Amino acid sequence: MTLVSTLSPCIMCTGTALLYRIPLVVIGEHRNFLGAEDLFSERGVHLVVLDDAECIEIMANFVRQHPDLWNEDIGR
């Protein structure tokens, strides 16, 4: 099983992936938000960060256009 995410998973999503023992996580980008990626490494989960320019742009635009939703979801 593989988890594919546009953005680095938050701590809750990271915990869920670990709970269900997902062995591979592919992340589109982690410049706009860096989740708890270290927890994957500590537990032997293979992590691939694509650093995809389109993902970076999509997320940056969303954060800029919807700061209220972004801050509510991310908890800042």
PDB file of N, CA and C in Angstrom:
ATOM      1  N   MET A   1       0.849  -1.165   0.000  1.00  0.00           N
ATOM      2  CA  MET A   1       0.000   0.000   0.000  1.00  0.00           C
ATOM      3  C   MET A   1       0.897   1.231   0.000  1.00  0.00           C
ATOM      4  N   THR A   2       0.441   2.264  -0.672  1.00  0.00           N
ATOM      5  CA  THR A   2       1.173   3.517  -0.766  1.00  0.00           C
ATOM      6  C   THR A   2       0.231   4.673  -0.503  1.00  0.00           C
ATOM      7  N   LEU A   3       0.671   5.616   0.316  1.00  0.00           N
ATOM      8  CA  LEU A   3      -0.068   6.853   0.545  1.00  0.00           C
ATOM      9  C   LEU A   3       0.568   7.917  -0.328  1.00  0.00           C
ATOM     10  N   VAL A   4      -0.252   8.579  -1.158  1.00  0.00           N
ATOM     11  CA  VAL A   4       0.231   9.659  -2.005  1.00  0.00           C
ATOM     12  C   VAL A   4      -0.493  10.926  -1.582  1.00  0.00           C
ATOM     13  N   SER A   5       0.288  11.985  -1.322  1.00  0.00           N
ATOM     14  CA  SER A   5      -0.287  13.232  -0.831  1.00  0.00           C
ATOM     15  C   SER A   5       0.348  14.412  -1.555  1.00  0.00           C
ATOM     16  N   THR A   6      -0.457  15.403  -1.891  1.00  0.00           N
ATOM     17  CA  THR A   6       0.058  16.610  -2.516  1.00  0.00           C
ATOM     18  C   THR A   6       1.015  17.325  -1.573  1.00  0.00           C
ATOM     19  N   LEU A   7       0.666  17.332  -0.296  1.00  0.00           N
ATOM     20  CA  LEU A   7       1.369  18.089   0.733  1.00  0.00           C
ATOM     21  C   LEU A   7       1.876  17.155   1.813  1.00  0.00           C
ATOM     22  N   SER A   8       2.903  17.550   2.509  1.00  0.00           N
ATOM     23  CA  SER A   8       3.423  16.771   3.629  1.00  0.00           C
ATOM     24  C   SER A   8       2.296  16.519   4.641  1.00  0.00           C
ATOM     25  N   PRO A   9       2.085  15.279   5.068  1.00  0.00           N
ATOM     26  CA  PRO A   9       0.977  14.984   5.976  1.00  0.00           C
ATOM     27  C   PRO A   9       1.139  15.659   7.349  1.00  0.00           C
ATOM     28  N   CYS A  10       0.018  16.121   7.892  1.00  0.00           N
ATOM     29  CA  CYS A  10       0.015  16.698   9.230  1.00  0.00           C
ATOM     30  C   CYS A  10       0.278  15.579  10.252  1.00  0.00           C
ATOM     31  N   ILE A  11       0.404  15.934  11.494  1.00  0.00           N
ATOM     32  CA  ILE A  11       0.698  14.949  12.537  1.00  0.00           C
ATOM     33  C   ILE A  11      -0.420  13.905  12.648  1.00  0.00           C
ATOM     34  N   MET A  12      -1.665  14.312  12.476  1.00  0.00           N
ATOM     35  CA  MET A  12      -2.772  13.366  12.581  1.00  0.00           C
ATOM     36  C   MET A  12      -2.755  12.368  11.412  1.00  0.00           C
ATOM     37  N   CYS A  13      -2.517  12.858  10.209  1.00  0.00           N
ATOM     38  CA  CYS A  13      -2.447  11.966   9.049  1.00  0.00           C
ATOM     39  C   CYS A  13      -1.223  11.064   9.118  1.00  0.00           C
ATOM     40  N   THR A  14      -0.123  11.603   9.616  1.00  0.00           N
ATOM     41  CA  THR A  14       1.082  10.794   9.801  1.00  0.00           C
ATOM     42  C   THR A  14       0.798   9.657  10.776  1.00  0.00           C
ATOM     43  N   GLY A  15       0.158   9.978  11.884  1.00  0.00           N
ATOM     44  CA  GLY A  15      -0.188   8.953  12.872  1.00  0.00           C
ATOM     45  C   GLY A  15      -1.099   7.886  12.302  1.00  0.00           C
ATOM     46  N   THR A  16      -2.049   8.289  11.485  1.00  0.00           N
ATOM     47  CA  THR A  16      -2.956   7.329  10.856  1.00  0.00           C
ATOM     48  C   THR A  16      -2.195   6.409   9.909  1.00  0.00           C
ATOM     49  N   ALA A  17      -1.302   6.980   9.117  1.00  0.00           N
ATOM     50  CA  ALA A  17      -0.496   6.162   8.198  1.00  0.00           C
ATOM     51  C   ALA A  17       0.364   5.167   8.976  1.00  0.00           C
ATOM     52  N   LEU A  18       0.916   5.607  10.096  1.00  0.00           N
ATOM     53  CA  LEU A  18       1.724   4.709  10.922  1.00  0.00           C
ATOM     54  C   LEU A  18       0.861   3.629  11.562  1.00  0.00           C
ATOM     55  N   LEU A  19      -0.305   4.002  12.035  1.00  0.00           N
ATOM     56  CA  LEU A  19      -1.221   3.049  12.661  1.00  0.00           C
ATOM     57  C   LEU A  19      -1.580   1.922  11.691  1.00  0.00           C
ATOM     58  N   TYR A  20      -1.797   2.280  10.438  1.00  0.00           N
ATOM     59  CA  TYR A  20      -2.170   1.284   9.436  1.00  0.00           C
ATOM     60  C   TYR A  20      -0.968   0.700   8.699  1.00  0.00           C
ATOM     61  N   ARG A  21       0.211   1.013   9.188  1.00  0.00           N
ATOM     62  CA  ARG A  21       1.473   0.437   8.702  1.00  0.00           C
ATOM     63  C   ARG A  21       1.661   0.574   7.193  1.00  0.00           C
ATOM     64  N   ILE A  22       1.400   1.778   6.713  1.00  0.00           N
ATOM     65  CA  ILE A  22       1.615   2.053   5.297  1.00  0.00           C
ATOM     66  C   ILE A  22       3.130   2.176   5.084  1.00  0.00           C
ATOM     67  N   PRO A  23       3.705   1.328   4.248  1.00  0.00           N
ATOM     68  CA  PRO A  23       5.170   1.274   4.144  1.00  0.00           C
ATOM     69  C   PRO A  23       5.806   2.327   3.238  1.00  0.00           C
ATOM     70  N   LEU A  24       5.006   2.963   2.385  1.00  0.00           N
ATOM     71  CA  LEU A  24       5.549   3.930   1.432  1.00  0.00           C
ATOM     72  C   LEU A  24       4.653   5.158   1.401  1.00  0.00           C
ATOM     73  N   VAL A  25       5.267   6.335   1.558  1.00  0.00           N
ATOM     74  CA  VAL A  25       4.546   7.607   1.492  1.00  0.00           C
ATOM     75  C   VAL A  25       5.229   8.470   0.436  1.00  0.00           C
ATOM     76  N   VAL A  26       4.434   8.945  -0.529  1.00  0.00           N
ATOM     77  CA  VAL A  26       4.927   9.816  -1.592  1.00  0.00           C
ATOM     78  C   VAL A  26       4.285  11.181  -1.402  1.00  0.00           C
ATOM     79  N   ILE A  27       5.121  12.205  -1.302  1.00  0.00           N
ATOM     80  CA  ILE A  27       4.655  13.568  -1.030  1.00  0.00           C
ATOM     81  C   ILE A  27       5.002  14.451  -2.226  1.00  0.00           C
ATOM     82  N   GLY A  28       4.028  15.200  -2.694  1.00  0.00           N
ATOM     83  CA  GLY A  28       4.267  16.092  -3.823  1.00  0.00           C
ATOM     84  C   GLY A  28       5.227  17.217  -3.479  1.00  0.00           C
ATOM     85  N   GLU A  29       5.062  17.808  -2.305  1.00  0.00           N
ATOM     86  CA  GLU A  29       5.944  18.894  -1.875  1.00  0.00           C
ATOM     87  C   GLU A  29       5.830  19.111  -0.374  1.00  0.00           C
ATOM     88  N   HIS A  30       6.880  19.696   0.207  1.00  0.00           N
ATOM     89  CA  HIS A  30       6.840  20.023   1.628  1.00  0.00           C
ATOM     90  C   HIS A  30       7.451  21.399   1.912  1.00  0.00           C
ATOM     91  N   ARG A  31       7.388  22.274   0.940  1.00  0.00           N
ATOM     92  CA  ARG A  31       7.879  23.651   1.133  1.00  0.00           C
ATOM     93  C   ARG A  31       6.830  24.529   1.801  1.00  0.00           C
ATOM     94  N   ASN A  32       5.565  24.358   1.429  1.00  0.00           N
ATOM     95  CA  ASN A  32       4.500  25.178   2.005  1.00  0.00           C
ATOM     96  C   ASN A  32       4.114  24.715   3.396  1.00  0.00           C
ATOM     97  N   PHE A  33       4.334  23.448   3.686  1.00  0.00           N
ATOM     98  CA  PHE A  33       4.045  22.901   5.010  1.00  0.00           C
ATOM     99  C   PHE A  33       4.892  21.654   5.201  1.00  0.00           C
ATOM    100  N   LEU A  34       5.642  21.631   6.276  1.00  0.00           N
ATOM    101  CA  LEU A  34       6.437  20.461   6.611  1.00  0.00           C
ATOM    102  C   LEU A  34       5.763  19.760   7.775  1.00  0.00           C
ATOM    103  N   GLY A  35       5.223  18.586   7.503  1.00  0.00           N
ATOM    104  CA  GLY A  35       4.553  17.806   8.544  1.00  0.00           C
ATOM    105  C   GLY A  35       5.545  17.034   9.387  1.00  0.00           C
ATOM    106  N   ALA A  36       5.082  15.987   9.981  1.00  0.00           N
ATOM    107  CA  ALA A  36       5.892  15.175  10.895  1.00  0.00           C
ATOM    108  C   ALA A  36       6.625  14.066  10.147  1.00  0.00           C
ATOM    109  N   GLU A  37       7.329  14.436   9.109  1.00  0.00           N
ATOM    110  CA  GLU A  37       8.017  13.454   8.267  1.00  0.00           C
ATOM    111  C   GLU A  37       9.061  12.656   9.035  1.00  0.00           C
ATOM    112  N   ASP A  38       9.633  13.248  10.055  1.00  0.00           N
ATOM    113  CA  ASP A  38      10.639  12.540  10.846  1.00  0.00           C
ATOM    114  C   ASP A  38      10.075  11.280  11.494  1.00  0.00           C
ATOM    115  N   LEU A  39       8.793  11.290  11.803  1.00  0.00           N
ATOM    116  CA  LEU A  39       8.167  10.108  12.410  1.00  0.00           C
ATOM    117  C   LEU A  39       8.144   8.931  11.436  1.00  0.00           C
ATOM    118  N   PHE A  40       8.003   9.220  10.156  1.00  0.00           N
ATOM    119  CA  PHE A  40       8.053   8.144   9.164  1.00  0.00           C
ATOM    120  C   PHE A  40       9.434   7.493   9.162  1.00  0.00           C
ATOM    121  N   SER A  41      10.448   8.322   9.112  1.00  0.00           N
ATOM    122  CA  SER A  41      11.819   7.799   9.077  1.00  0.00           C
ATOM    123  C   SER A  41      12.139   6.980  10.319  1.00  0.00           C
ATOM    124  N   GLU A  42      11.711   7.467  11.481  1.00  0.00           N
ATOM    125  CA  GLU A  42      11.966   6.764  12.734  1.00  0.00           C
ATOM    126  C   GLU A  42      11.333   5.382  12.776  1.00  0.00           C
ATOM    127  N   ARG A  43      10.282   5.187  12.000  1.00  0.00           N
ATOM    128  CA  ARG A  43       9.556   3.913  12.032  1.00  0.00           C
ATOM    129  C   ARG A  43       9.735   3.097  10.757  1.00  0.00           C
ATOM    130  N   GLY A  44      10.731   3.451   9.972  1.00  0.00           N
ATOM    131  CA  GLY A  44      11.087   2.642   8.812  1.00  0.00           C
ATOM    132  C   GLY A  44      10.191   2.792   7.596  1.00  0.00           C
ATOM    133  N   VAL A  45       9.386   3.841   7.565  1.00  0.00           N
ATOM    134  CA  VAL A  45       8.533   4.083   6.400  1.00  0.00           C
ATOM    135  C   VAL A  45       9.384   4.744   5.318  1.00  0.00           C
ATOM    136  N   HIS A  46       9.299   4.226   4.107  1.00  0.00           N
ATOM    137  CA  HIS A  46      10.030   4.819   2.986  1.00  0.00           C
ATOM    138  C   HIS A  46       9.292   6.069   2.541  1.00  0.00           C
ATOM    139  N   LEU A  47       9.984   7.195   2.532  1.00  0.00           N
ATOM    140  CA  LEU A  47       9.392   8.488   2.222  1.00  0.00           C
ATOM    141  C   LEU A  47      10.035   9.044   0.951  1.00  0.00           C
ATOM    142  N   VAL A  48       9.194   9.425  -0.002  1.00  0.00           N
ATOM    143  CA  VAL A  48       9.661  10.025  -1.246  1.00  0.00           C
ATOM    144  C   VAL A  48       9.037  11.412  -1.353  1.00  0.00           C
ATOM    145  N   VAL A  49       9.863  12.447  -1.446  1.00  0.00           N
ATOM    146  CA  VAL A  49       9.381  13.811  -1.634  1.00  0.00           C
ATOM    147  C   VAL A  49       9.710  14.211  -3.072  1.00  0.00           C
ATOM    148  N   LEU A  50       8.682  14.418  -3.867  1.00  0.00           N
ATOM    149  CA  LEU A  50       8.864  14.716  -5.281  1.00  0.00           C
ATOM    150  C   LEU A  50       9.345  16.140  -5.538  1.00  0.00           C
ATOM    151  N   ASP A  51       9.039  17.059  -4.617  1.00  0.00           N
ATOM    152  CA  ASP A  51       9.389  18.467  -4.778  1.00  0.00           C
ATOM    153  C   ASP A  51       8.885  18.973  -6.132  1.00  0.00           C
ATOM    154  N   ASP A  52       7.630  18.643  -6.419  1.00  0.00           N
ATOM    155  CA  ASP A  52       6.999  18.942  -7.697  1.00  0.00           C
ATOM    156  C   ASP A  52       6.611  20.421  -7.788  1.00  0.00           C
ATOM    157  N   ALA A  53       7.079  21.098  -8.820  1.00  0.00           N
ATOM    158  CA  ALA A  53       6.829  22.529  -8.993  1.00  0.00           C
ATOM    159  C   ALA A  53       5.336  22.849  -9.055  1.00  0.00           C
ATOM    160  N   GLU A  54       4.557  22.000  -9.694  1.00  0.00           N
ATOM    161  CA  GLU A  54       3.114  22.253  -9.798  1.00  0.00           C
ATOM    162  C   GLU A  54       2.436  22.133  -8.430  1.00  0.00           C
ATOM    163  N   CYS A  55       2.816  21.142  -7.646  1.00  0.00           N
ATOM    164  CA  CYS A  55       2.263  21.003  -6.292  1.00  0.00           C
ATOM    165  C   CYS A  55       2.628  22.211  -5.438  1.00  0.00           C
ATOM    166  N   ILE A  56       3.878  22.651  -5.540  1.00  0.00           N
ATOM    167  CA  ILE A  56       4.328  23.820  -4.767  1.00  0.00           C
ATOM    168  C   ILE A  56       3.491  25.037  -5.132  1.00  0.00           C
ATOM    169  N   GLU A  57       3.287  25.262  -6.414  1.00  0.00           N
ATOM    170  CA  GLU A  57       2.517  26.414  -6.880  1.00  0.00           C
ATOM    171  C   GLU A  57       1.055  26.326  -6.456  1.00  0.00           C
ATOM    172  N   ILE A  58       0.447  25.152  -6.605  1.00  0.00           N
ATOM    173  CA  ILE A  58      -0.959  24.974  -6.226  1.00  0.00           C
ATOM    174  C   ILE A  58      -1.153  25.301  -4.748  1.00  0.00           C
ATOM    175  N   MET A  59      -0.278  24.750  -3.899  1.00  0.00           N
ATOM    176  CA  MET A  59      -0.433  24.972  -2.461  1.00  0.00           C
ATOM    177  C   MET A  59      -0.129  26.417  -2.077  1.00  0.00           C
ATOM    178  N   ALA A  60       0.885  27.020  -2.679  1.00  0.00           N
ATOM    179  CA  ALA A  60       1.212  28.420  -2.386  1.00  0.00           C
ATOM    180  C   ALA A  60       0.046  29.329  -2.764  1.00  0.00           C
ATOM    181  N   ASN A  61      -0.570  29.071  -3.921  1.00  0.00           N
ATOM    182  CA  ASN A  61      -1.735  29.855  -4.341  1.00  0.00           C
ATOM    183  C   ASN A  61      -2.893  29.673  -3.375  1.00  0.00           C
ATOM    184  N   PHE A  62      -3.131  28.437  -2.937  1.00  0.00           N
ATOM    185  CA  PHE A  62      -4.225  28.192  -2.001  1.00  0.00           C
ATOM    186  C   PHE A  62      -4.000  28.936  -0.689  1.00  0.00           C
ATOM    187  N   VAL A  63      -2.791  28.850  -0.155  1.00  0.00           N
ATOM    188  CA  VAL A  63      -2.472  29.528   1.110  1.00  0.00           C
ATOM    189  C   VAL A  63      -2.666  31.034   0.959  1.00  0.00           C
ATOM    190  N   ARG A  64      -2.224  31.581  -0.144  1.00  0.00           N
ATOM    191  CA  ARG A  64      -2.335  33.017  -0.393  1.00  0.00           C
ATOM    192  C   ARG A  64      -3.799  33.441  -0.579  1.00  0.00           C
ATOM    193  N   GLN A  65      -4.583  32.642  -1.291  1.00  0.00           N
ATOM    194  CA  GLN A  65      -5.966  33.010  -1.610  1.00  0.00           C
ATOM    195  C   GLN A  65      -6.952  32.688  -0.487  1.00  0.00           C
ATOM    196  N   HIS A  66      -6.604  31.726   0.367  1.00  0.00           N
ATOM    197  CA  HIS A  66      -7.534  31.292   1.416  1.00  0.00           C
ATOM    198  C   HIS A  66      -6.821  31.164   2.768  1.00  0.00           C
ATOM    199  N   PRO A  67      -6.230  32.237   3.268  1.00  0.00           N
ATOM    200  CA  PRO A  67      -5.488  32.127   4.526  1.00  0.00           C
ATOM    201  C   PRO A  67      -6.366  31.705   5.696  1.00  0.00           C
ATOM    202  N   ASP A  68      -7.640  32.085   5.672  1.00  0.00           N
ATOM    203  CA  ASP A  68      -8.538  31.696   6.760  1.00  0.00           C
ATOM    204  C   ASP A  68      -8.729  30.180   6.809  1.00  0.00           C
ATOM    205  N   LEU A  69      -8.957  29.553   5.664  1.00  0.00           N
ATOM    206  CA  LEU A  69      -9.110  28.096   5.619  1.00  0.00           C
ATOM    207  C   LEU A  69      -7.794  27.394   5.952  1.00  0.00           C
ATOM    208  N   TRP A  70      -6.708  27.894   5.410  1.00  0.00           N
ATOM    209  CA  TRP A  70      -5.395  27.292   5.652  1.00  0.00           C
ATOM    210  C   TRP A  70      -5.068  27.318   7.149  1.00  0.00           C
ATOM    211  N   ASN A  71      -5.228  28.474   7.777  1.00  0.00           N
ATOM    212  CA  ASN A  71      -4.894  28.601   9.196  1.00  0.00           C
ATOM    213  C   ASN A  71      -5.831  27.775  10.081  1.00  0.00           C
ATOM    214  N   GLU A  72      -7.069  27.653   9.671  1.00  0.00           N
ATOM    215  CA  GLU A  72      -8.012  26.827  10.420  1.00  0.00           C
ATOM    216  C   GLU A  72      -7.631  25.346  10.349  1.00  0.00           C
ATOM    217  N   ASP A  73      -7.258  24.901   9.170  1.00  0.00           N
ATOM    218  CA  ASP A  73      -6.926  23.499   8.977  1.00  0.00           C
ATOM    219  C   ASP A  73      -5.578  23.144   9.603  1.00  0.00           C
ATOM    220  N   ILE A  74      -4.602  24.002   9.433  1.00  0.00           N
ATOM    221  CA  ILE A  74      -3.257  23.723   9.924  1.00  0.00           C
ATOM    222  C   ILE A  74      -3.167  23.998  11.432  1.00  0.00           C
ATOM    223  N   GLY A  75      -4.064  24.802  11.958  1.00  0.00           N
ATOM    224  CA  GLY A  75      -4.102  25.029  13.406  1.00  0.00           C
ATOM    225  C   GLY A  75      -3.164  26.103  13.898  1.00  0.00           C
ATOM    226  N   ARG A  76      -2.897  27.070  13.065  1.00  0.00           N
ATOM    227  CA  ARG A  76      -2.017  28.159  13.486  1.00  0.00           C
ATOM    228  C   ARG A  76      -2.819  29.323  13.964  1.00  0.00           C
TER     229      ARG A  76
END
